[in-house]
Amino acid sequence: MRLGHVIGKVTLNATEQALRGGRFLLVQPFGKPQFGGAGMNPLAKGATVVVYDELGAGLGQTVGFTEGAEAAMPFSRPTPVDAYAAAIVERVFYHPPGPNPRA
């Protein structure tokens, strides 16, 4: 699972029947600086992920998402998704390890 920041949504005029009830979000994945508290600067072109969401995540929220074959696991039948929002994250506590005293 990766964490990302919701920066937008995708509007569709037609969708696969298996995807009814959800929506697609544009998510900017966290990098090492964001875990350290840095702001979410715009990423390079192509770095945003389209994530299927049934939880109701909103603009500016942090989501935990899975990609690849695992993204289709929550569905009872094969469903064409590449990324799935599995959690809405309220807080991230990150304490990087300190310097190794034996080094």
N, C-alpha and C. Protein backbone atom coordinates (compact mmCIF):
# COMPACT_ATOMS: atom_id res chain seq x y z
N MET A 1 0.84 -1.17 0.00
CA MET A 1 0.00 0.00 0.00
C MET A 1 0.89 1.23 0.00
N ARG A 2 0.46 2.21 -0.76
CA ARG A 2 1.16 3.50 -0.80
C ARG A 2 0.22 4.58 -0.31
N LEU A 3 0.78 5.71 0.09
CA LEU A 3 -0.02 6.85 0.51
C LEU A 3 0.06 7.93 -0.55
N GLY A 4 -1.03 8.68 -0.70
CA GLY A 4 -1.05 9.77 -1.66
C GLY A 4 -2.06 10.83 -1.26
N HIS A 5 -1.92 11.97 -1.87
CA HIS A 5 -2.73 13.16 -1.60
C HIS A 5 -3.72 13.33 -2.76
N VAL A 6 -5.01 13.45 -2.44
CA VAL A 6 -6.03 13.62 -3.49
C VAL A 6 -5.95 15.05 -4.03
N ILE A 7 -5.66 15.16 -5.33
CA ILE A 7 -5.51 16.48 -5.94
C ILE A 7 -6.60 16.79 -6.97
N GLY A 8 -7.50 15.84 -7.22
CA GLY A 8 -8.58 16.08 -8.18
C GLY A 8 -9.43 14.85 -8.37
N LYS A 9 -10.39 14.95 -9.27
CA LYS A 9 -11.25 13.82 -9.59
C LYS A 9 -11.42 13.72 -11.09
N VAL A 10 -11.82 12.56 -11.54
CA VAL A 10 -12.05 12.31 -12.96
C VAL A 10 -13.55 12.23 -13.17
N THR A 11 -14.06 12.94 -14.17
CA THR A 11 -15.47 12.91 -14.50
C THR A 11 -15.67 12.03 -15.72
N LEU A 12 -16.58 11.06 -15.62
CA LEU A 12 -16.84 10.12 -16.70
C LEU A 12 -18.27 10.29 -17.22
N ASN A 13 -18.47 10.00 -18.49
CA ASN A 13 -19.83 10.00 -19.01
C ASN A 13 -20.38 8.59 -19.15
N ALA A 14 -19.54 7.59 -19.08
CA ALA A 14 -19.95 6.18 -19.11
C ALA A 14 -18.92 5.38 -18.33
N THR A 15 -19.36 4.28 -17.72
CA THR A 15 -18.45 3.46 -16.93
C THR A 15 -18.87 2.00 -16.98
N GLU A 16 -17.94 1.13 -16.67
CA GLU A 16 -18.19 -0.31 -16.57
C GLU A 16 -19.21 -0.55 -15.46
N GLN A 17 -20.15 -1.44 -15.69
CA GLN A 17 -21.20 -1.73 -14.70
C GLN A 17 -20.62 -2.11 -13.34
N ALA A 18 -19.54 -2.86 -13.32
CA ALA A 18 -18.93 -3.29 -12.05
C ALA A 18 -18.39 -2.11 -11.23
N LEU A 19 -18.21 -0.96 -11.86
CA LEU A 19 -17.65 0.20 -11.18
C LEU A 19 -18.71 1.19 -10.69
N ARG A 20 -19.98 0.85 -10.84
CA ARG A 20 -21.05 1.74 -10.36
C ARG A 20 -20.95 1.90 -8.85
N GLY A 21 -21.18 3.10 -8.37
CA GLY A 21 -21.15 3.34 -6.93
C GLY A 21 -19.85 3.94 -6.43
N GLY A 22 -18.86 4.01 -7.29
CA GLY A 22 -17.58 4.60 -6.90
C GLY A 22 -17.23 5.74 -7.84
N ARG A 23 -16.03 6.26 -7.67
CA ARG A 23 -15.55 7.33 -8.55
C ARG A 23 -14.04 7.23 -8.67
N PHE A 24 -13.50 7.99 -9.57
CA PHE A 24 -12.06 7.98 -9.80
C PHE A 24 -11.45 9.29 -9.31
N LEU A 25 -10.34 9.17 -8.58
CA LEU A 25 -9.63 10.32 -8.04
C LEU A 25 -8.25 10.43 -8.66
N LEU A 26 -7.75 11.65 -8.74
CA LEU A 26 -6.35 11.89 -9.11
C LEU A 26 -5.56 11.98 -7.82
N VAL A 27 -4.57 11.13 -7.69
CA VAL A 27 -3.80 11.05 -6.44
C VAL A 27 -2.32 11.26 -6.74
N GLN A 28 -1.71 12.14 -5.95
CA GLN A 28 -0.27 12.38 -6.03
C GLN A 28 0.40 11.55 -4.96
N PRO A 29 1.15 10.51 -5.33
CA PRO A 29 1.80 9.65 -4.33
C PRO A 29 2.79 10.41 -3.46
N PHE A 30 2.88 10.01 -2.20
CA PHE A 30 3.86 10.58 -1.29
C PHE A 30 5.25 10.13 -1.70
N GLY A 31 6.20 11.01 -1.53
CA GLY A 31 7.61 10.69 -1.66
C GLY A 31 8.26 10.86 -0.30
N LYS A 32 9.53 10.59 -0.20
CA LYS A 32 10.25 10.70 1.07
C LYS A 32 10.09 12.09 1.71
N PRO A 33 10.16 13.19 0.94
CA PRO A 33 10.01 14.51 1.57
C PRO A 33 8.65 14.71 2.25
N GLN A 34 7.57 14.15 1.67
CA GLN A 34 6.25 14.32 2.26
C GLN A 34 6.13 13.57 3.60
N PHE A 35 6.81 12.44 3.73
CA PHE A 35 6.79 11.74 5.01
C PHE A 35 7.53 12.54 6.06
N GLY A 36 8.47 13.36 5.67
CA GLY A 36 9.20 14.21 6.59
C GLY A 36 8.50 15.52 6.89
N GLY A 37 7.32 15.74 6.31
CA GLY A 37 6.55 16.95 6.60
C GLY A 37 6.54 17.99 5.51
N ALA A 38 7.21 17.75 4.39
CA ALA A 38 7.23 18.72 3.29
C ALA A 38 5.85 18.80 2.65
N GLY A 39 5.56 19.94 2.06
CA GLY A 39 4.29 20.13 1.37
C GLY A 39 4.21 19.31 0.10
N MET A 40 3.03 19.26 -0.48
CA MET A 40 2.81 18.52 -1.71
C MET A 40 3.01 19.45 -2.91
N ASN A 41 4.21 19.46 -3.43
CA ASN A 41 4.51 20.26 -4.61
C ASN A 41 4.01 19.51 -5.84
N PRO A 42 3.65 20.22 -6.90
CA PRO A 42 3.21 19.51 -8.11
C PRO A 42 4.30 18.57 -8.62
N LEU A 43 3.89 17.38 -9.02
CA LEU A 43 4.82 16.39 -9.53
C LEU A 43 5.08 16.60 -11.01
N ALA A 44 6.06 15.89 -11.49
CA ALA A 44 6.34 15.91 -12.91
C ALA A 44 5.18 15.29 -13.68
N LYS A 45 5.04 15.67 -14.92
CA LYS A 45 3.98 15.14 -15.77
C LYS A 45 4.02 13.61 -15.77
N GLY A 46 2.85 12.99 -15.60
CA GLY A 46 2.76 11.54 -15.61
C GLY A 46 2.94 10.88 -14.26
N ALA A 47 3.20 11.65 -13.19
CA ALA A 47 3.44 11.06 -11.88
C ALA A 47 2.15 10.86 -11.07
N THR A 48 1.03 11.41 -11.53
CA THR A 48 -0.24 11.27 -10.83
C THR A 48 -0.87 9.91 -11.14
N VAL A 49 -1.56 9.33 -10.15
CA VAL A 49 -2.21 8.02 -10.29
C VAL A 49 -3.73 8.23 -10.26
N VAL A 50 -4.45 7.52 -11.14
CA VAL A 50 -5.92 7.52 -11.10
C VAL A 50 -6.33 6.35 -10.22
N VAL A 51 -7.08 6.64 -9.15
CA VAL A 51 -7.43 5.65 -8.13
C VAL A 51 -8.95 5.52 -8.03
N TYR A 52 -9.46 4.28 -8.06
CA TYR A 52 -10.89 4.04 -7.86
C TYR A 52 -11.21 4.16 -6.38
N ASP A 53 -12.28 4.89 -6.04
CA ASP A 53 -12.62 5.18 -4.65
C ASP A 53 -14.08 4.89 -4.38
N GLU A 54 -14.35 4.06 -3.38
CA GLU A 54 -15.71 3.82 -2.90
C GLU A 54 -15.91 4.38 -1.49
N LEU A 55 -14.86 4.97 -0.91
CA LEU A 55 -14.91 5.45 0.46
C LEU A 55 -15.41 6.87 0.59
N GLY A 56 -15.31 7.67 -0.48
CA GLY A 56 -15.74 9.05 -0.43
C GLY A 56 -14.65 10.03 -0.06
N ALA A 57 -13.41 9.71 -0.39
CA ALA A 57 -12.30 10.63 -0.10
C ALA A 57 -12.49 11.93 -0.87
N GLY A 58 -12.10 13.03 -0.24
CA GLY A 58 -12.28 14.33 -0.85
C GLY A 58 -10.97 15.00 -1.20
N LEU A 59 -11.08 16.08 -1.91
CA LEU A 59 -9.94 16.88 -2.33
C LEU A 59 -9.12 17.29 -1.11
N GLY A 60 -7.81 17.06 -1.17
CA GLY A 60 -6.92 17.43 -0.08
C GLY A 60 -6.70 16.35 0.96
N GLN A 61 -7.46 15.27 0.91
CA GLN A 61 -7.29 14.20 1.88
C GLN A 61 -6.16 13.26 1.47
N THR A 62 -5.66 12.51 2.44
CA THR A 62 -4.65 11.50 2.19
C THR A 62 -5.33 10.14 2.14
N VAL A 63 -4.99 9.35 1.12
CA VAL A 63 -5.55 8.01 0.99
C VAL A 63 -4.44 6.98 0.94
N GLY A 64 -4.76 5.78 1.40
CA GLY A 64 -3.90 4.63 1.21
C GLY A 64 -4.44 3.86 0.03
N PHE A 65 -3.59 3.56 -0.95
CA PHE A 65 -4.09 2.89 -2.14
C PHE A 65 -3.17 1.74 -2.53
N THR A 66 -3.79 0.74 -3.16
CA THR A 66 -3.04 -0.39 -3.68
C THR A 66 -3.08 -0.33 -5.19
N GLU A 67 -2.08 -0.94 -5.81
CA GLU A 67 -2.00 -0.93 -7.27
C GLU A 67 -1.82 -2.35 -7.79
N GLY A 68 -2.03 -2.52 -9.08
CA GLY A 68 -1.81 -3.81 -9.73
C GLY A 68 -2.92 -4.79 -9.44
N ALA A 69 -2.59 -6.07 -9.43
CA ALA A 69 -3.59 -7.13 -9.23
C ALA A 69 -4.31 -6.99 -7.89
N GLU A 70 -3.63 -6.50 -6.87
CA GLU A 70 -4.25 -6.33 -5.56
C GLU A 70 -5.38 -5.32 -5.58
N ALA A 71 -5.36 -4.39 -6.51
CA ALA A 71 -6.41 -3.38 -6.59
C ALA A 71 -7.75 -3.98 -6.96
N ALA A 72 -7.77 -5.10 -7.64
CA ALA A 72 -9.02 -5.75 -8.05
C ALA A 72 -9.54 -6.73 -6.99
N MET A 73 -8.79 -6.98 -5.93
CA MET A 73 -9.17 -7.96 -4.92
C MET A 73 -10.47 -7.64 -4.17
N PRO A 74 -10.81 -6.37 -3.89
CA PRO A 74 -12.04 -6.11 -3.14
C PRO A 74 -13.33 -6.45 -3.91
N PHE A 75 -13.24 -6.70 -5.19
CA PHE A 75 -14.41 -6.96 -6.01
C PHE A 75 -14.70 -8.46 -6.09
N SER A 76 -15.98 -8.81 -6.17
CA SER A 76 -16.37 -10.22 -6.22
C SER A 76 -16.11 -10.87 -7.57
N ARG A 77 -15.96 -10.08 -8.61
CA ARG A 77 -15.65 -10.61 -9.94
C ARG A 77 -14.55 -9.75 -10.56
N PRO A 78 -13.89 -10.23 -11.60
CA PRO A 78 -12.81 -9.44 -12.21
C PRO A 78 -13.30 -8.04 -12.61
N THR A 79 -12.54 -7.04 -12.17
CA THR A 79 -12.91 -5.64 -12.40
C THR A 79 -11.69 -4.89 -12.92
N PRO A 80 -11.88 -4.07 -13.96
CA PRO A 80 -10.74 -3.38 -14.59
C PRO A 80 -10.27 -2.13 -13.85
N VAL A 81 -9.58 -2.31 -12.72
CA VAL A 81 -8.99 -1.17 -12.02
C VAL A 81 -7.50 -1.44 -11.81
N ASP A 82 -6.71 -0.39 -11.86
CA ASP A 82 -5.27 -0.50 -11.64
C ASP A 82 -4.85 0.02 -10.26
N ALA A 83 -5.72 0.83 -9.63
CA ALA A 83 -5.43 1.36 -8.30
C ALA A 83 -6.74 1.52 -7.54
N TYR A 84 -6.73 1.17 -6.26
CA TYR A 84 -7.94 1.14 -5.43
C TYR A 84 -7.66 1.84 -4.11
N ALA A 85 -8.52 2.79 -3.71
CA ALA A 85 -8.38 3.47 -2.42
C ALA A 85 -8.88 2.55 -1.33
N ALA A 86 -7.99 2.08 -0.47
CA ALA A 86 -8.34 1.14 0.59
C ALA A 86 -8.54 1.83 1.93
N ALA A 87 -8.08 3.08 2.07
CA ALA A 87 -8.19 3.76 3.36
C ALA A 87 -8.13 5.26 3.17
N ILE A 88 -8.83 5.97 4.05
CA ILE A 88 -8.67 7.42 4.16
C ILE A 88 -7.84 7.64 5.42
N VAL A 89 -6.71 8.27 5.26
CA VAL A 89 -5.73 8.42 6.35
C VAL A 89 -5.94 9.76 7.05
N GLU A 90 -6.05 9.69 8.36
CA GLU A 90 -6.24 10.93 9.12
C GLU A 90 -4.91 11.59 9.47
N ARG A 91 -3.93 10.80 9.91
CA ARG A 91 -2.62 11.34 10.28
C ARG A 91 -1.53 10.35 9.91
N VAL A 92 -0.37 10.90 9.66
CA VAL A 92 0.81 10.07 9.42
C VAL A 92 1.87 10.50 10.44
N PHE A 93 2.31 9.55 11.24
CA PHE A 93 3.38 9.81 12.20
C PHE A 93 4.63 9.15 11.65
N TYR A 94 5.62 9.94 11.36
CA TYR A 94 6.86 9.43 10.77
C TYR A 94 8.03 9.88 11.60
N HIS A 95 8.76 8.93 12.12
CA HIS A 95 9.96 9.22 12.90
C HIS A 95 11.13 8.51 12.22
N PRO A 96 11.88 9.22 11.39
CA PRO A 96 12.99 8.56 10.71
C PRO A 96 14.02 8.08 11.72
N PRO A 97 14.66 6.98 11.38
CA PRO A 97 15.70 6.49 12.30
C PRO A 97 16.84 7.49 12.41
N GLY A 98 17.39 7.58 13.60
CA GLY A 98 18.51 8.49 13.83
C GLY A 98 19.79 7.91 13.26
N PRO A 99 20.86 8.65 13.37
CA PRO A 99 22.15 8.13 12.87
C PRO A 99 22.56 6.89 13.66
N ASN A 100 23.20 6.00 12.98
CA ASN A 100 23.65 4.76 13.59
C ASN A 100 24.88 5.06 14.46
N PRO A 101 24.78 4.86 15.80
CA PRO A 101 25.93 5.22 16.65
C PRO A 101 27.15 4.31 16.42
N ARG A 102 26.97 3.15 15.80
CA ARG A 102 28.08 2.24 15.57
C ARG A 102 28.77 2.50 14.24
N ALA A 103 28.21 3.39 13.44
CA ALA A 103 28.81 3.62 12.11
C ALA A 103 30.01 4.50 12.18
